[in-house]
């Protein structure tokens, strides 16, 4: 699977998880992250973007001779 496809997949899953968390556990007043659906979904998407960088191996660079 392409690396970019994995990132898109993880971002979508993270956004869905953030929305689900807001829907199930989000508070009404006083919460910065879970108080509104768009902030919870956005934070979930950002975390979904960061996770593949921790678990996927770094692509190898090829040596170029100059």
C-alpha atoms as a PDB file:
ATOM      1  CA  UNK A   1       0.000   0.000   0.000  1.00  0.00           C
ATOM      2  CA  UNK A   2       1.271   3.480  -0.794  1.00  0.00           C
ATOM      3  CA  UNK A   3       2.562   5.579   2.098  1.00  0.00           C
ATOM      4  CA  UNK A   4       0.241   8.478   1.227  1.00  0.00           C
ATOM      5  CA  UNK A   5      -2.762   6.151   1.183  1.00  0.00           C
ATOM      6  CA  UNK A   6      -1.901   4.962   4.684  1.00  0.00           C
ATOM      7  CA  UNK A   7      -1.686   8.554   5.904  1.00  0.00           C
ATOM      8  CA  UNK A   8      -5.100   9.371   4.416  1.00  0.00           C
ATOM      9  CA  UNK A   9      -6.555   6.230   5.973  1.00  0.00           C
ATOM     10  CA  UNK A  10      -5.139   7.050   9.413  1.00  0.00           C
ATOM     11  CA  UNK A  11      -6.358  10.656   9.191  1.00  0.00           C
ATOM     12  CA  UNK A  12      -9.870   9.471   8.321  1.00  0.00           C
ATOM     13  CA  UNK A  13      -9.894   6.931  11.149  1.00  0.00           C
ATOM     14  CA  UNK A  14      -8.562   9.541  13.580  1.00  0.00           C
ATOM     15  CA  UNK A  15     -11.209  12.053  12.553  1.00  0.00           C
ATOM     16  CA  UNK A  16     -13.937   9.431  12.919  1.00  0.00           C
ATOM     17  CA  UNK A  17     -12.598   8.453  16.341  1.00  0.00           C
ATOM     18  CA  UNK A  18     -12.515  12.101  17.421  1.00  0.00           C
ATOM     19  CA  UNK A  19     -16.112  12.600  16.315  1.00  0.00           C
ATOM     20  CA  UNK A  20     -17.189   9.375  18.033  1.00  0.00           C
ATOM     21  CA  UNK A  21     -15.482  10.496  21.235  1.00  0.00           C
ATOM     22  CA  UNK A  22     -17.324  13.828  21.086  1.00  0.00           C
ATOM     23  CA  UNK A  23     -20.603  12.071  20.377  1.00  0.00           C
ATOM     24  CA  UNK A  24     -20.212   9.630  23.265  1.00  0.00           C
ATOM     25  CA  UNK A  25     -18.223  11.495  25.949  1.00  0.00           C
ATOM     26  CA  UNK A  26     -18.035  15.152  24.893  1.00  0.00           C
ATOM     27  CA  UNK A  27     -19.042  17.786  27.418  1.00  0.00           C
ATOM     28  CA  UNK A  28     -21.398  20.692  26.809  1.00  0.00           C
ATOM     29  CA  UNK A  29     -19.616  23.624  28.493  1.00  0.00           C
ATOM     30  CA  UNK A  30     -16.058  24.361  29.529  1.00  0.00           C
ATOM     31  CA  UNK A  31     -14.134  21.769  27.535  1.00  0.00           C
ATOM     32  CA  UNK A  32     -11.648  23.095  25.011  1.00  0.00           C
ATOM     33  CA  UNK A  33     -11.243  19.926  22.938  1.00  0.00           C
ATOM     34  CA  UNK A  34     -14.447  17.916  23.384  1.00  0.00           C
ATOM     35  CA  UNK A  35     -16.875  20.809  23.748  1.00  0.00           C
ATOM     36  CA  UNK A  36     -17.508  21.124  20.000  1.00  0.00           C
ATOM     37  CA  UNK A  37     -17.599  18.410  17.377  1.00  0.00           C
ATOM     38  CA  UNK A  38     -15.229  20.156  14.971  1.00  0.00           C
ATOM     39  CA  UNK A  39     -12.435  20.580  17.519  1.00  0.00           C
ATOM     40  CA  UNK A  40     -12.681  16.986  18.657  1.00  0.00           C
ATOM     41  CA  UNK A  41     -12.730  15.780  15.036  1.00  0.00           C
ATOM     42  CA  UNK A  42      -9.782  18.033  14.148  1.00  0.00           C
ATOM     43  CA  UNK A  43      -7.680  16.821  17.049  1.00  0.00           C
ATOM     44  CA  UNK A  44      -8.501  13.242  16.110  1.00  0.00           C
ATOM     45  CA  UNK A  45      -7.392  13.916  12.524  1.00  0.00           C
ATOM     46  CA  UNK A  46      -4.117  15.470  13.708  1.00  0.00           C
ATOM     47  CA  UNK A  47      -3.417  12.483  15.941  1.00  0.00           C
ATOM     48  CA  UNK A  48      -4.296  10.206  13.037  1.00  0.00           C
ATOM     49  CA  UNK A  49      -1.675  12.042  10.984  1.00  0.00           C
ATOM     50  CA  UNK A  50       0.989  11.659  13.674  1.00  0.00           C
ATOM     51  CA  UNK A  51       0.502   7.939  14.389  1.00  0.00           C
ATOM     52  CA  UNK A  52       1.810   6.548  11.062  1.00  0.00           C
ATOM     53  CA  UNK A  53       5.014   8.502  11.506  1.00  0.00           C
ATOM     54  CA  UNK A  54       5.641   6.593  14.717  1.00  0.00           C
ATOM     55  CA  UNK A  55       4.841   3.115  13.425  1.00  0.00           C
ATOM     56  CA  UNK A  56       5.905   3.137   9.761  1.00  0.00           C
ATOM     57  CA  UNK A  57       9.565   2.676   8.934  1.00  0.00           C
ATOM     58  CA  UNK A  58      11.391   5.647   7.484  1.00  0.00           C
ATOM     59  CA  UNK A  59      11.846   5.311   3.717  1.00  0.00           C
ATOM     60  CA  UNK A  60      15.436   4.704   2.691  1.00  0.00           C
ATOM     61  CA  UNK A  61      17.200   7.268   0.611  1.00  0.00           C
ATOM     62  CA  UNK A  62      19.293   6.123  -2.288  1.00  0.00           C
ATOM     63  CA  UNK A  63      22.851   7.320  -2.595  1.00  0.00           C
ATOM     64  CA  UNK A  64      23.538   9.634  -5.472  1.00  0.00           C
ATOM     65  CA  UNK A  65      27.003  10.051  -6.815  1.00  0.00           C
ATOM     66  CA  UNK A  66      28.002  13.464  -7.975  1.00  0.00           C
END
